Amino acid sequence: MAIAKTIEIISSSTQSIEHAVKDGLEKARETVDNIEGVWVKDIKASVKDGMLVEWRVIMVLTFVLKD
């Protein structure tokens, strides 16, 4: 029997939404094993002087707990 757990993380990128997701997943993999899925829960953008300067994503990561 497998048991899964979820955690919520926030990641950002000045390049794109895709980079924010990939960078967040890459960083999470440094401390979390067995990640099975990523749900992008929300997307936000930071604006400065009327220009978009940063993408932010809120992600829920699902990982399987070890036996």
Protein backbone atom coordinates (compact mmCIF):
# COMPACT_ATOMS: atom_id res chain seq x y z
CA MET A 1 0.00 0.00 0.00
CA ALA A 2 1.34 3.43 -0.94
CA ILE A 3 0.71 6.57 1.07
CA ALA A 4 1.11 9.97 -0.58
CA LYS A 5 1.58 13.37 0.98
CA THR A 6 1.33 16.90 -0.42
CA ILE A 7 3.20 20.10 0.29
CA GLU A 8 2.63 23.59 -1.06
CA ILE A 9 5.52 25.70 -2.34
CA ILE A 10 5.87 29.07 -4.02
CA SER A 11 8.44 29.63 -6.75
CA SER A 12 9.30 32.60 -8.94
CA SER A 13 11.10 33.44 -12.16
CA THR A 14 11.83 36.59 -14.10
CA GLN A 15 11.72 34.57 -17.34
CA SER A 16 8.43 32.64 -17.51
CA ILE A 17 5.78 30.60 -15.74
CA GLU A 18 7.41 27.43 -17.05
CA HIS A 19 10.76 28.42 -15.55
CA ALA A 20 9.10 29.17 -12.20
CA VAL A 21 7.57 25.67 -12.17
CA LYS A 22 10.78 23.94 -13.26
CA ASP A 23 12.94 25.91 -10.80
CA GLY A 24 10.55 25.20 -7.92
CA LEU A 25 10.45 21.49 -8.72
CA GLU A 26 14.23 21.32 -9.06
CA LYS A 27 14.74 23.00 -5.67
CA ALA A 28 12.13 20.80 -3.97
CA ARG A 29 13.85 17.66 -5.30
CA GLU A 30 16.91 18.58 -3.21
CA THR A 31 15.01 17.69 -0.01
CA VAL A 32 11.90 15.76 -1.08
CA ASP A 33 12.10 12.26 -2.58
CA ASN A 34 9.57 10.39 -4.73
CA ILE A 35 7.74 13.43 -6.17
CA GLU A 36 4.96 12.04 -8.36
CA GLY A 37 3.07 15.12 -9.46
CA VAL A 38 2.81 18.89 -9.52
CA TRP A 39 -0.40 20.91 -9.49
CA VAL A 40 -0.01 24.58 -10.36
CA LYS A 41 -2.61 25.99 -7.98
CA ASP A 42 -2.20 29.67 -8.78
CA ILE A 43 -0.20 32.00 -11.00
CA LYS A 44 0.62 35.59 -10.11
CA ALA A 45 2.82 38.29 -11.59
CA SER A 46 4.75 41.08 -9.97
CA VAL A 47 4.63 44.47 -11.68
CA LYS A 48 7.02 47.40 -11.26
CA ASP A 49 6.62 50.74 -13.03
CA GLY A 50 3.87 49.22 -15.18
CA MET A 51 6.12 46.38 -16.41
CA LEU A 52 5.85 42.70 -15.55
CA VAL A 53 9.04 41.84 -13.67
CA GLU A 54 8.44 38.40 -12.14
CA TRP A 55 6.17 35.36 -12.46
CA ARG A 56 5.13 33.55 -9.27
CA VAL A 57 3.50 30.14 -9.05
CA ILE A 58 1.94 28.40 -6.10
CA MET A 59 2.39 24.65 -6.56
CA VAL A 60 1.19 21.59 -4.69
CA LEU A 61 3.68 18.72 -4.90
CA THR A 62 2.56 15.13 -4.33
CA PHE A 63 5.11 12.60 -3.18
CA VAL A 64 4.94 8.97 -2.04
CA LEU A 65 6.14 8.17 1.46
CA LYS A 66 8.70 5.39 1.86
CA ASP A 67 7.59 2.12 3.48
